[in-house]
Amino acid sequence: MGAAKTLNIVNYFDAAVDVAVTNNNFNCCDSPQPGQSIGNIAPNRKASFTYQRTDGHGCNGRQGQFQLSFESNYTANLDFDGDANLELSDVPTNFGAYLSQNSDGNYSLVVGDLVGG
């Protein structure tokens, strides 16, 4: 089993957002699981969950992948290696999303409206 880390999702939209893991772009991921609800995140608040890559089953040497849905209107694709080093697979163009690694080694994904959009 790959290393596990925590992803903190910080909501900078003007309203609360429902966040869930979709059935799309999912591969080699023990957690989270497709259909998993991350929760309803109030503005300027966060929700956290653990992610971990699957080992074996054809996944050795492959990236773990999952997609997050925000209010079913926006999606963000993320991928990570066996050490749980996380990255945005592509930068969303219809909302703001910024991923950074925290000093404790875990990650934060800040999401919100595009500035000037």
PDB file of N, CA and C in Angstrom:
ATOM      1  N   MET A   1       0.839  -1.164   0.000  1.00  0.00           N
ATOM      2  CA  MET A   1       0.000   0.000   0.000  1.00  0.00           C
ATOM      3  C   MET A   1       0.889   1.233   0.000  1.00  0.00           C
ATOM      4  N   GLY A   2       0.526   2.208  -0.819  1.00  0.00           N
ATOM      5  CA  GLY A   2       1.294   3.442  -0.888  1.00  0.00           C
ATOM      6  C   GLY A   2       1.112   4.284   0.364  1.00  0.00           C
ATOM      7  N   ALA A   3       1.911   5.324   0.461  1.00  0.00           N
ATOM      8  CA  ALA A   3       1.803   6.246   1.586  1.00  0.00           C
ATOM      9  C   ALA A   3       0.458   6.965   1.549  1.00  0.00           C
ATOM     10  N   ALA A   4      -0.038   7.332   2.709  1.00  0.00           N
ATOM     11  CA  ALA A   4      -1.292   8.079   2.815  1.00  0.00           C
ATOM     12  C   ALA A   4      -0.987   9.499   3.284  1.00  0.00           C
ATOM     13  N   LYS A   5      -1.698  10.453   2.718  1.00  0.00           N
ATOM     14  CA  LYS A   5      -1.611  11.845   3.153  1.00  0.00           C
ATOM     15  C   LYS A   5      -3.018  12.422   3.197  1.00  0.00           C
ATOM     16  N   THR A   6      -3.106  13.620   3.732  1.00  0.00           N
ATOM     17  CA  THR A   6      -4.380  14.315   3.868  1.00  0.00           C
ATOM     18  C   THR A   6      -4.460  15.454   2.867  1.00  0.00           C
ATOM     19  N   LEU A   7      -5.634  15.590   2.237  1.00  0.00           N
ATOM     20  CA  LEU A   7      -5.928  16.732   1.378  1.00  0.00           C
ATOM     21  C   LEU A   7      -6.970  17.587   2.088  1.00  0.00           C
ATOM     22  N   ASN A   8      -6.627  18.860   2.300  1.00  0.00           N
ATOM     23  CA  ASN A   8      -7.545  19.835   2.868  1.00  0.00           C
ATOM     24  C   ASN A   8      -8.124  20.635   1.715  1.00  0.00           C
ATOM     25  N   ILE A   9      -9.442  20.705   1.617  1.00  0.00           N
ATOM     26  CA  ILE A   9     -10.084  21.514   0.593  1.00  0.00           C
ATOM     27  C   ILE A   9     -10.603  22.768   1.277  1.00  0.00           C
ATOM     28  N   VAL A  10     -10.139  23.923   0.805  1.00  0.00           N
ATOM     29  CA  VAL A  10     -10.521  25.206   1.383  1.00  0.00           C
ATOM     30  C   VAL A  10     -11.460  25.904   0.407  1.00  0.00           C
ATOM     31  N   ASN A  11     -12.645  26.275   0.874  1.00  0.00           N
ATOM     32  CA  ASN A  11     -13.667  26.885   0.029  1.00  0.00           C
ATOM     33  C   ASN A  11     -13.592  28.408   0.067  1.00  0.00           C
ATOM     34  N   TYR A  12     -13.230  29.013  -1.078  1.00  0.00           N
ATOM     35  CA  TYR A  12     -13.261  30.467  -1.212  1.00  0.00           C
ATOM     36  C   TYR A  12     -14.347  30.913  -2.184  1.00  0.00           C
ATOM     37  N   PHE A  13     -15.308  30.026  -2.500  1.00  0.00           N
ATOM     38  CA  PHE A  13     -16.496  30.459  -3.230  1.00  0.00           C
ATOM     39  C   PHE A  13     -17.332  31.318  -2.276  1.00  0.00           C
ATOM     40  N   ASP A  14     -18.266  32.081  -2.823  1.00  0.00           N
ATOM     41  CA  ASP A  14     -19.125  32.944  -2.006  1.00  0.00           C
ATOM     42  C   ASP A  14     -20.201  32.172  -1.253  1.00  0.00           C
ATOM     43  N   ALA A  15     -20.405  30.920  -1.600  1.00  0.00           N
ATOM     44  CA  ALA A  15     -21.438  30.103  -0.972  1.00  0.00           C
ATOM     45  C   ALA A  15     -20.854  28.736  -0.604  1.00  0.00           C
ATOM     46  N   ALA A  16     -21.601  27.996   0.179  1.00  0.00           N
ATOM     47  CA  ALA A  16     -21.188  26.638   0.529  1.00  0.00           C
ATOM     48  C   ALA A  16     -21.171  25.769  -0.723  1.00  0.00           C
ATOM     49  N   VAL A  17     -20.281  24.792  -0.758  1.00  0.00           N
ATOM     50  CA  VAL A  17     -20.201  23.874  -1.897  1.00  0.00           C
ATOM     51  C   VAL A  17     -20.229  22.430  -1.406  1.00  0.00           C
ATOM     52  N   ASP A  18     -20.981  21.601  -2.140  1.00  0.00           N
ATOM     53  CA  ASP A  18     -20.953  20.165  -1.914  1.00  0.00           C
ATOM     54  C   ASP A  18     -19.788  19.602  -2.704  1.00  0.00           C
ATOM     55  N   VAL A  19     -18.954  18.802  -2.063  1.00  0.00           N
ATOM     56  CA  VAL A  19     -17.780  18.220  -2.709  1.00  0.00           C
ATOM     57  C   VAL A  19     -17.893  16.702  -2.637  1.00  0.00           C
ATOM     58  N   ALA A  20     -17.634  16.043  -3.776  1.00  0.00           N
ATOM     59  CA  ALA A  20     -17.706  14.587  -3.841  1.00  0.00           C
ATOM     60  C   ALA A  20     -16.658  14.063  -4.810  1.00  0.00           C
ATOM     61  N   VAL A  21     -16.347  12.793  -4.694  1.00  0.00           N
ATOM     62  CA  VAL A  21     -15.461  12.099  -5.621  1.00  0.00           C
ATOM     63  C   VAL A  21     -16.338  11.522  -6.726  1.00  0.00           C
ATOM     64  N   THR A  22     -15.996  11.792  -7.981  1.00  0.00           N
ATOM     65  CA  THR A  22     -16.795  11.298  -9.097  1.00  0.00           C
ATOM     66  C   THR A  22     -16.363   9.879  -9.480  1.00  0.00           C
ATOM     67  N   ASN A  23     -17.059   9.305 -10.444  1.00  0.00           N
ATOM     68  CA  ASN A  23     -16.682   8.008 -11.010  1.00  0.00           C
ATOM     69  C   ASN A  23     -15.715   8.162 -12.171  1.00  0.00           C
ATOM     70  N   ASN A  24     -15.396   9.397 -12.548  1.00  0.00           N
ATOM     71  CA  ASN A  24     -14.523   9.669 -13.699  1.00  0.00           C
ATOM     72  C   ASN A  24     -13.066   9.806 -13.265  1.00  0.00           C
ATOM     73  N   ASN A  25     -12.165   9.523 -14.198  1.00  0.00           N
ATOM     74  CA  ASN A  25     -10.725   9.698 -13.968  1.00  0.00           C
ATOM     75  C   ASN A  25     -10.279   9.088 -12.646  1.00  0.00           C
ATOM     76  N   PHE A  26     -10.758   7.883 -12.370  1.00  0.00           N
ATOM     77  CA  PHE A  26     -10.425   7.187 -11.132  1.00  0.00           C
ATOM     78  C   PHE A  26      -9.566   5.980 -11.465  1.00  0.00           C
ATOM     79  N   ASN A  27      -8.401   5.859 -10.809  1.00  0.00           N
ATOM     80  CA  ASN A  27      -7.508   4.749 -11.100  1.00  0.00           C
ATOM     81  C   ASN A  27      -6.536   4.561  -9.935  1.00  0.00           C
ATOM     82  N   CYS A  28      -6.258   3.309  -9.592  1.00  0.00           N
ATOM     83  CA  CYS A  28      -5.208   2.948  -8.628  1.00  0.00           C
ATOM     84  C   CYS A  28      -5.293   3.757  -7.337  1.00  0.00           C
ATOM     85  N   CYS A  29      -6.482   3.828  -6.782  1.00  0.00           N
ATOM     86  CA  CYS A  29      -6.707   4.667  -5.607  1.00  0.00           C
ATOM     87  C   CYS A  29      -7.462   3.861  -4.553  1.00  0.00           C
ATOM     88  N   ASP A  30      -6.801   3.572  -3.420  1.00  0.00           N
ATOM     89  CA  ASP A  30      -7.485   2.896  -2.317  1.00  0.00           C
ATOM     90  C   ASP A  30      -8.467   3.839  -1.635  1.00  0.00           C
ATOM     91  N   SER A  31      -8.074   5.080  -1.511  1.00  0.00           N
ATOM     92  CA  SER A  31      -8.962   6.083  -0.945  1.00  0.00           C
ATOM     93  C   SER A  31      -8.555   7.441  -1.485  1.00  0.00           C
ATOM     94  N   PRO A  32      -9.540   8.284  -1.778  1.00  0.00           N
ATOM     95  CA  PRO A  32     -10.975   8.126  -1.587  1.00  0.00           C
ATOM     96  C   PRO A  32     -11.556   7.156  -2.618  1.00  0.00           C
ATOM     97  N   GLN A  33     -12.842   6.893  -2.500  1.00  0.00           N
ATOM     98  CA  GLN A  33     -13.536   5.992  -3.414  1.00  0.00           C
ATOM     99  C   GLN A  33     -14.567   6.754  -4.239  1.00  0.00           C
ATOM    100  N   PRO A  34     -14.862   6.275  -5.464  1.00  0.00           N
ATOM    101  CA  PRO A  34     -15.882   6.930  -6.287  1.00  0.00           C
ATOM    102  C   PRO A  34     -17.215   7.021  -5.541  1.00  0.00           C
ATOM    103  N   GLY A  35     -17.862   8.165  -5.674  1.00  0.00           N
ATOM    104  CA  GLY A  35     -19.141   8.393  -5.018  1.00  0.00           C
ATOM    105  C   GLY A  35     -19.025   8.880  -3.585  1.00  0.00           C
ATOM    106  N   GLN A  36     -17.812   8.908  -3.060  1.00  0.00           N
ATOM    107  CA  GLN A  36     -17.618   9.352  -1.674  1.00  0.00           C
ATOM    108  C   GLN A  36     -17.925  10.830  -1.547  1.00  0.00           C
ATOM    109  N   SER A  37     -18.735  11.184  -0.575  1.00  0.00           N
ATOM    110  CA  SER A  37     -19.020  12.583  -0.282  1.00  0.00           C
ATOM    111  C   SER A  37     -17.930  13.116   0.643  1.00  0.00           C
ATOM    112  N   ILE A  38     -17.341  14.230   0.254  1.00  0.00           N
ATOM    113  CA  ILE A  38     -16.355  14.887   1.114  1.00  0.00           C
ATOM    114  C   ILE A  38     -17.091  15.798   2.095  1.00  0.00           C
ATOM    115  N   GLY A  39     -18.222  16.332   1.654  1.00  0.00           N
ATOM    116  CA  GLY A  39     -19.055  17.136   2.545  1.00  0.00           C
ATOM    117  C   GLY A  39     -19.467  18.451   1.932  1.00  0.00           C
ATOM    118  N   ASN A  40     -20.262  19.184   2.699  1.00  0.00           N
ATOM    119  CA  ASN A  40     -20.694  20.516   2.327  1.00  0.00           C
ATOM    120  C   ASN A  40     -19.783  21.480   3.075  1.00  0.00           C
ATOM    121  N   ILE A  41     -19.031  22.274   2.323  1.00  0.00           N
ATOM    122  CA  ILE A  41     -18.029  23.154   2.932  1.00  0.00           C
ATOM    123  C   ILE A  41     -18.529  24.587   2.866  1.00  0.00           C
ATOM    124  N   ALA A  42     -18.683  25.208   4.017  1.00  0.00           N
ATOM    125  CA  ALA A  42     -19.116  26.607   4.094  1.00  0.00           C
ATOM    126  C   ALA A  42     -18.016  27.521   3.557  1.00  0.00           C
ATOM    127  N   PRO A  43     -18.379  28.740   3.143  1.00  0.00           N
ATOM    128  CA  PRO A  43     -17.362  29.688   2.670  1.00  0.00           C
ATOM    129  C   PRO A  43     -16.289  29.923   3.742  1.00  0.00           C
ATOM    130  N   ASN A  44     -15.051  29.987   3.310  1.00  0.00           N
ATOM    131  CA  ASN A  44     -13.893  30.234   4.171  1.00  0.00           C
ATOM    132  C   ASN A  44     -13.677  29.135   5.214  1.00  0.00           C
ATOM    133  N   ARG A  45     -14.197  27.936   4.926  1.00  0.00           N
ATOM    134  CA  ARG A  45     -13.983  26.773   5.790  1.00  0.00           C
ATOM    135  C   ARG A  45     -13.311  25.675   4.980  1.00  0.00           C
ATOM    136  N   LYS A  46     -12.949  24.582   5.654  1.00  0.00           N
ATOM    137  CA  LYS A  46     -12.287  23.487   4.943  1.00  0.00           C
ATOM    138  C   LYS A  46     -12.844  22.145   5.371  1.00  0.00           C
ATOM    139  N   ALA A  47     -12.621  21.162   4.520  1.00  0.00           N
ATOM    140  CA  ALA A  47     -12.908  19.758   4.818  1.00  0.00           C
ATOM    141  C   ALA A  47     -11.662  18.976   4.430  1.00  0.00           C
ATOM    142  N   SER A  48     -11.417  17.892   5.114  1.00  0.00           N
ATOM    143  CA  SER A  48     -10.204  17.108   4.884  1.00  0.00           C
ATOM    144  C   SER A  48     -10.543  15.639   4.694  1.00  0.00           C
ATOM    145  N   PHE A  49      -9.709  14.957   3.907  1.00  0.00           N
ATOM    146  CA  PHE A  49      -9.836  13.506   3.748  1.00  0.00           C
ATOM    147  C   PHE A  49      -8.471  12.933   3.399  1.00  0.00           C
ATOM    148  N   THR A  50      -8.339  11.634   3.612  1.00  0.00           N
ATOM    149  CA  THR A  50      -7.094  10.923   3.336  1.00  0.00           C
ATOM    150  C   THR A  50      -7.154  10.321   1.941  1.00  0.00           C
ATOM    151  N   TYR A  51      -6.034  10.366   1.237  1.00  0.00           N
ATOM    152  CA  TYR A  51      -5.923   9.693  -0.056  1.00  0.00           C
ATOM    153  C   TYR A  51      -4.721   8.762  -0.019  1.00  0.00           C
ATOM    154  N   GLN A  52      -4.832   7.639  -0.758  1.00  0.00           N
ATOM    155  CA  GLN A  52      -3.780   6.626  -0.753  1.00  0.00           C
ATOM    156  C   GLN A  52      -3.856   5.819  -2.040  1.00  0.00           C
ATOM    157  N   ARG A  53      -2.696   5.562  -2.628  1.00  0.00           N
ATOM    158  CA  ARG A  53      -2.617   4.817  -3.887  1.00  0.00           C
ATOM    159  C   ARG A  53      -2.683   3.318  -3.634  1.00  0.00           C
ATOM    160  N   THR A  54      -3.253   2.594  -4.576  1.00  0.00           N
ATOM    161  CA  THR A  54      -3.299   1.142  -4.551  1.00  0.00           C
ATOM    162  C   THR A  54      -1.954   0.582  -5.002  1.00  0.00           C
ATOM    163  N   ASP A  55      -1.447  -0.412  -4.302  1.00  0.00           N
ATOM    164  CA  ASP A  55      -0.256  -1.131  -4.752  1.00  0.00           C
ATOM    165  C   ASP A  55      -0.702  -2.464  -5.344  1.00  0.00           C
ATOM    166  N   GLY A  56       0.106  -3.012  -6.250  1.00  0.00           N
ATOM    167  CA  GLY A  56      -0.253  -4.262  -6.897  1.00  0.00           C
ATOM    168  C   GLY A  56      -1.425  -4.057  -7.839  1.00  0.00           C
ATOM    169  N   HIS A  57      -2.083  -5.107  -8.216  1.00  0.00           N
ATOM    170  CA  HIS A  57      -3.271  -5.043  -9.088  1.00  0.00           C
ATOM    171  C   HIS A  57      -3.004  -4.225 -10.355  1.00  0.00           C
ATOM    172  N   GLY A  58      -1.758  -4.278 -10.868  1.00  0.00           N
ATOM    173  CA  GLY A  58      -1.409  -3.514 -12.066  1.00  0.00           C
ATOM    174  C   GLY A  58      -1.129  -2.048 -11.803  1.00  0.00           C
ATOM    175  N   CYS A  59      -1.067  -1.649 -10.538  1.00  0.00           N
ATOM    176  CA  CYS A  59      -0.893  -0.238 -10.207  1.00  0.00           C
ATOM    177  C   CYS A  59       0.541   0.132  -9.843  1.00  0.00           C
ATOM    178  N   ASN A  60       1.416  -0.837  -9.610  1.00  0.00           N
ATOM    179  CA  ASN A  60       2.801  -0.500  -9.283  1.00  0.00           C
ATOM    180  C   ASN A  60       3.402   0.315 -10.422  1.00  0.00           C
ATOM    181  N   GLY A  61       3.994   1.440 -10.054  1.00  0.00           N
ATOM    182  CA  GLY A  61       4.598   2.322 -11.049  1.00  0.00           C
ATOM    183  C   GLY A  61       3.599   3.238 -11.742  1.00  0.00           C
ATOM    184  N   ARG A  62       2.328   3.171 -11.383  1.00  0.00           N
ATOM    185  CA  ARG A  62       1.306   4.022 -11.990  1.00  0.00           C
ATOM    186  C   ARG A  62       0.810   5.045 -10.980  1.00  0.00           C
ATOM    187  N   GLN A  63       0.312   6.138 -11.497  1.00  0.00           N
ATOM    188  CA  GLN A  63      -0.236   7.183 -10.650  1.00  0.00           C
ATOM    189  C   GLN A  63      -1.619   6.788 -10.135  1.00  0.00           C
ATOM    190  N   GLY A  64      -1.918   7.166  -8.898  1.00  0.00           N
ATOM    191  CA  GLY A  64      -3.276   7.118  -8.399  1.00  0.00           C
ATOM    192  C   GLY A  64      -3.992   8.345  -8.947  1.00  0.00           C
ATOM    193  N   GLN A  65      -5.265   8.208  -9.262  1.00  0.00           N
ATOM    194  CA  GLN A  65      -6.023   9.331  -9.830  1.00  0.00           C
ATOM    195  C   GLN A  65      -7.419   9.370  -9.231  1.00  0.00           C
ATOM    196  N   PHE A  66      -7.920  10.599  -9.018  1.00  0.00           N
ATOM    197  CA  PHE A  66      -9.320  10.782  -8.659  1.00  0.00           C
ATOM    198  C   PHE A  66      -9.770  12.161  -9.109  1.00  0.00           C
ATOM    199  N   GLN A  67     -11.078  12.308  -9.251  1.00  0.00           N
ATOM    200  CA  GLN A  67     -11.666  13.574  -9.678  1.00  0.00           C
ATOM    201  C   GLN A  67     -12.629  14.050  -8.591  1.00  0.00           C
ATOM    202  N   LEU A  68     -12.524  15.334  -8.259  1.00  0.00           N
ATOM    203  CA  LEU A  68     -13.439  15.946  -7.305  1.00  0.00           C
ATOM    204  C   LEU A  68     -14.457  16.784  -8.051  1.00  0.00           C
ATOM    205  N   SER A  69     -15.687  16.759  -7.572  1.00  0.00           N
ATOM    206  CA  SER A  69     -16.769  17.566  -8.124  1.00  0.00           C
ATOM    207  C   SER A  69     -17.189  18.580  -7.068  1.00  0.00           C
ATOM    208  N   PHE A  70     -17.337  19.824  -7.507  1.00  0.00           N
ATOM    209  CA  PHE A  70     -17.790  20.904  -6.639  1.00  0.00           C
ATOM    210  C   PHE A  70     -19.148  21.371  -7.148  1.00  0.00           C
ATOM    211  N   GLU A  71     -20.201  21.133  -6.354  1.00  0.00           N
ATOM    212  CA  GLU A  71     -21.563  21.519  -6.744  1.00  0.00           C
ATOM    213  C   GLU A  71     -21.977  20.905  -8.076  1.00  0.00           C
ATOM    214  N   SER A  72     -21.366  19.818  -8.477  1.00  0.00           N
ATOM    215  CA  SER A  72     -21.649  19.131  -9.748  1.00  0.00           C
ATOM    216  C   SER A  72     -21.406  20.017 -10.967  1.00  0.00           C
ATOM    217  N   ASN A  73     -20.932  21.242 -10.767  1.00  0.00           N
ATOM    218  CA  ASN A  73     -20.671  22.173 -11.880  1.00  0.00           C
ATOM    219  C   ASN A  73     -19.199  22.247 -12.254  1.00  0.00           C
ATOM    220  N   TYR A  74     -18.343  21.973 -11.306  1.00  0.00           N
ATOM    221  CA  TYR A  74     -16.911  22.120 -11.500  1.00  0.00           C
ATOM    222  C   TYR A  74     -16.211  20.817 -11.122  1.00  0.00           C
ATOM    223  N   THR A  75     -15.138  20.504 -11.825  1.00  0.00           N
ATOM    224  CA  THR A  75     -14.358  19.317 -11.479  1.00  0.00           C
ATOM    225  C   THR A  75     -12.877  19.647 -11.465  1.00  0.00           C
ATOM    226  N   ALA A  76     -12.157  18.917 -10.644  1.00  0.00           N
ATOM    227  CA  ALA A  76     -10.702  19.012 -10.571  1.00  0.00           C
ATOM    228  C   ALA A  76     -10.147  17.592 -10.594  1.00  0.00           C
ATOM    229  N   ASN A  77      -9.190  17.338 -11.493  1.00  0.00           N
ATOM    230  CA  ASN A  77      -8.534  16.037 -11.606  1.00  0.00           C
ATOM    231  C   ASN A  77      -7.203  16.088 -10.875  1.00  0.00           C
ATOM    232  N   LEU A  78      -6.981  15.113 -10.007  1.00  0.00           N
ATOM    233  CA  LEU A  78      -5.741  15.049  -9.244  1.00  0.00           C
ATOM    234  C   LEU A  78      -5.085  13.698  -9.452  1.00  0.00           C
ATOM    235  N   ASP A  79      -3.755  13.681  -9.396  1.00  0.00           N
ATOM    236  CA  ASP A  79      -3.027  12.421  -9.455  1.00  0.00           C
ATOM    237  C   ASP A  79      -1.867  12.465  -8.478  1.00  0.00           C
ATOM    238  N   PHE A  80      -1.408  11.261  -8.072  1.00  0.00           N
ATOM    239  CA  PHE A  80      -0.362  11.180  -7.057  1.00  0.00           C
ATOM    240  C   PHE A  80       0.395   9.872  -7.191  1.00  0.00           C
ATOM    241  N   ASP A  81       1.624   9.868  -6.682  1.00  0.00           N
ATOM    242  CA  ASP A  81       2.473   8.686  -6.765  1.00  0.00           C
ATOM    243  C   ASP A  81       2.385   7.876  -5.474  1.00  0.00           C
ATOM    244  N   GLY A  82       3.195   6.818  -5.374  1.00  0.00           N
ATOM    245  CA  GLY A  82       3.186   5.935  -4.209  1.00  0.00           C
ATOM    246  C   GLY A  82       3.611   6.617  -2.923  1.00  0.00           C
ATOM    247  N   ASP A  83       4.309   7.753  -3.032  1.00  0.00           N
ATOM    248  CA  ASP A  83       4.699   8.524  -1.852  1.00  0.00           C
ATOM    249  C   ASP A  83       3.658   9.581  -1.509  1.00  0.00           C
ATOM    250  N   ALA A  84       2.530   9.581  -2.236  1.00  0.00           N
ATOM    251  CA  ALA A  84       1.400  10.501  -2.028  1.00  0.00           C
ATOM    252  C   ALA A  84       1.735  11.937  -2.400  1.00  0.00           C
ATOM    253  N   ASN A  85       2.701  12.120  -3.318  1.00  0.00           N
ATOM    254  CA  ASN A  85       2.993  13.454  -3.843  1.00  0.00           C
ATOM    255  C   ASN A  85       1.887  13.797  -4.836  1.00  0.00           C
ATOM    256  N   LEU A  86       1.102  14.816  -4.524  1.00  0.00           N
ATOM    257  CA  LEU A  86      -0.138  15.141  -5.225  1.00  0.00           C
ATOM    258  C   LEU A  86       0.050  16.313  -6.189  1.00  0.00           C
ATOM    259  N   GLU A  87      -0.670  16.260  -7.325  1.00  0.00           N
ATOM    260  CA  GLU A  87      -0.664  17.383  -8.261  1.00  0.00           C
ATOM    261  C   GLU A  87      -2.007  17.461  -8.981  1.00  0.00           C
ATOM    262  N   LEU A  88      -2.340  18.670  -9.443  1.00  0.00           N
ATOM    263  CA  LEU A  88      -3.495  18.840 -10.317  1.00  0.00           C
ATOM    264  C   LEU A  88      -3.104  18.301 -11.678  1.00  0.00           C
ATOM    265  N   SER A  89      -3.904  17.394 -12.230  1.00  0.00           N
ATOM    266  CA  SER A  89      -3.596  16.825 -13.546  1.00  0.00           C
ATOM    267  C   SER A  89      -3.722  17.868 -14.640  1.00  0.00           C
ATOM    268  N   ASP A  90      -4.670  18.767 -14.477  1.00  0.00           N
ATOM    269  CA  ASP A  90      -4.848  19.889 -15.400  1.00  0.00           C
ATOM    270  C   ASP A  90      -5.462  21.024 -14.592  1.00  0.00           C
ATOM    271  N   VAL A  91      -5.210  22.246 -15.012  1.00  0.00           N
ATOM    272  CA  VAL A  91      -5.718  23.406 -14.285  1.00  0.00           C
ATOM    273  C   VAL A  91      -7.130  23.718 -14.779  1.00  0.00           C
ATOM    274  N   PRO A  92      -8.115  23.709 -13.876  1.00  0.00           N
ATOM    275  CA  PRO A  92      -9.477  24.052 -14.284  1.00  0.00           C
ATOM    276  C   PRO A  92      -9.528  25.466 -14.884  1.00  0.00           C
ATOM    277  N   THR A  93     -10.397  25.647 -15.864  1.00  0.00           N
ATOM    278  CA  THR A  93     -10.508  26.962 -16.502  1.00  0.00           C
ATOM    279  C   THR A  93     -11.786  27.700 -16.123  1.00  0.00           C
ATOM    280  N   ASN A  94     -12.751  27.012 -15.484  1.00  0.00           N
ATOM    281  CA  ASN A  94     -14.008  27.673 -15.152  1.00  0.00           C
ATOM    282  C   ASN A  94     -14.150  28.019 -13.665  1.00  0.00           C
ATOM    283  N   PHE A  95     -13.112  27.755 -12.874  1.00  0.00           N
ATOM    284  CA  PHE A  95     -13.062  28.179 -11.475  1.00  0.00           C
ATOM    285  C   PHE A  95     -11.610  28.176 -11.032  1.00  0.00           C
ATOM    286  N   GLY A  96     -11.335  28.853  -9.941  1.00  0.00           N
ATOM    287  CA  GLY A  96      -9.973  28.907  -9.434  1.00  0.00           C
ATOM    288  C   GLY A  96      -9.646  27.696  -8.590  1.00  0.00           C
ATOM    289  N   ALA A  97      -8.466  27.132  -8.803  1.00  0.00           N
ATOM    290  CA  ALA A  97      -8.004  25.997  -8.007  1.00  0.00           C
ATOM    291  C   ALA A  97      -6.489  26.116  -7.848  1.00  0.00           C
ATOM    292  N   TYR A  98      -6.035  26.106  -6.612  1.00  0.00           N
ATOM    293  CA  TYR A  98      -4.612  26.222  -6.323  1.00  0.00           C
ATOM    294  C   TYR A  98      -4.228  25.145  -5.316  1.00  0.00           C
ATOM    295  N   LEU A  99      -3.264  24.311  -5.687  1.00  0.00           N
ATOM    296  CA  LEU A  99      -2.803  23.213  -4.837  1.00  0.00           C
ATOM    297  C   LEU A  99      -1.421  23.544  -4.298  1.00  0.00           C
ATOM    298  N   SER A 100      -1.238  23.353  -2.990  1.00  0.00           N
ATOM    299  CA  SER A 100       0.078  23.582  -2.395  1.00  0.00           C
ATOM    300  C   SER A 100       0.336  22.542  -1.313  1.00  0.00           C
ATOM    301  N   GLN A 101       1.625  22.264  -1.099  1.00  0.00           N
ATOM    302  CA  GLN A 101       2.001  21.326  -0.042  1.00  0.00           C
ATOM    303  C   GLN A 101       2.223  22.109   1.243  1.00  0.00           C
ATOM    304  N   ASN A 102       1.680  21.602   2.338  1.00  0.00           N
ATOM    305  CA  ASN A 102       1.811  22.244   3.640  1.00  0.00           C
ATOM    306  C   ASN A 102       3.135  21.850   4.292  1.00  0.00           C
ATOM    307  N   SER A 103       3.511  22.552   5.329  1.00  0.00           N
ATOM    308  CA  SER A 103       4.771  22.269   6.020  1.00  0.00           C
ATOM    309  C   SER A 103       4.782  20.877   6.652  1.00  0.00           C
ATOM    310  N   ASP A 104       3.599  20.300   6.917  1.00  0.00           N
ATOM    311  CA  ASP A 104       3.532  18.962   7.500  1.00  0.00           C
ATOM    312  C   ASP A 104       3.562  17.852   6.445  1.00  0.00           C
ATOM    313  N   GLY A 105       3.697  18.238   5.150  1.00  0.00           N
ATOM    314  CA  GLY A 105       3.763  17.252   4.072  1.00  0.00           C
ATOM    315  C   GLY A 105       2.417  16.946   3.441  1.00  0.00           C
ATOM    316  N   ASN A 106       1.319  17.331   4.090  1.00  0.00           N
ATOM    317  CA  ASN A 106      -0.005  17.160   3.514  1.00  0.00           C
ATOM    318  C   ASN A 106      -0.263  18.280   2.512  1.00  0.00           C
ATOM    319  N   TYR A 107      -1.442  18.301   1.895  1.00  0.00           N
ATOM    320  CA  TYR A 107      -1.732  19.262   0.831  1.00  0.00           C
ATOM    321  C   TYR A 107      -3.012  20.043   1.122  1.00  0.00           C
ATOM    322  N   SER A 108      -3.095  21.240   0.534  1.00  0.00           N
ATOM    323  CA  SER A 108      -4.315  22.053   0.571  1.00  0.00           C
ATOM    324  C   SER A 108      -4.681  22.422  -0.854  1.00  0.00           C
ATOM    325  N   LEU A 109      -5.960  22.265  -1.173  1.00  0.00           N
ATOM    326  CA  LEU A 109      -6.516  22.675  -2.454  1.00  0.00           C
ATOM    327  C   LEU A 109      -7.498  23.802  -2.158  1.00  0.00           C
ATOM    328  N   VAL A 110      -7.147  25.016  -2.597  1.00  0.00           N
ATOM    329  CA  VAL A 110      -7.991  26.176  -2.416  1.00  0.00           C
ATOM    330  C   VAL A 110      -8.812  26.347  -3.681  1.00  0.00           C
ATOM    331  N   VAL A 111     -10.134  26.432  -3.548  1.00  0.00           N
ATOM    332  CA  VAL A 111     -11.020  26.572  -4.697  1.00  0.00           C
ATOM    333  C   VAL A 111     -11.916  27.786  -4.520  1.00  0.00           C
ATOM    334  N   GLY A 112     -12.265  28.431  -5.637  1.00  0.00           N
ATOM    335  CA  GLY A 112     -13.154  29.587  -5.575  1.00  0.00           C
ATOM    336  C   GLY A 112     -13.406  30.151  -6.957  1.00  0.00           C
ATOM    337  N   ASP A 113     -14.164  31.247  -6.989  1.00  0.00           N
ATOM    338  CA  ASP A 113     -14.447  31.912  -8.261  1.00  0.00           C
ATOM    339  C   ASP A 113     -13.172  32.480  -8.842  1.00  0.00           C
ATOM    340  N   LEU A 114     -13.133  32.547 -10.166  1.00  0.00           N
ATOM    341  CA  LEU A 114     -12.008  33.188 -10.831  1.00  0.00           C
ATOM    342  C   LEU A 114     -12.049  34.681 -10.571  1.00  0.00           C
ATOM    343  N   VAL A 115     -10.919  35.274 -10.273  1.00  0.00           N
ATOM    344  CA  VAL A 115     -10.846  36.700 -10.054  1.00  0.00           C
ATOM    345  C   VAL A 115     -11.037  37.410 -11.392  1.00  0.00           C
ATOM    346  N   GLY A 116     -11.937  38.372 -11.421  1.00  0.00           N
ATOM    347  CA  GLY A 116     -12.189  39.108 -12.658  1.00  0.00           C
ATOM    348  C   GLY A 116     -13.000  38.318 -13.675  1.00  0.00           C
ATOM    349  N   GLY A 117     -13.495  37.109 -13.279  1.00  0.00           N
ATOM    350  CA  GLY A 117     -14.239  36.273 -14.212  1.00  0.00           C
ATOM    351  C   GLY A 117     -15.654  36.413 -13.990  1.00  0.00           C
TER     352      GLY A 117
END
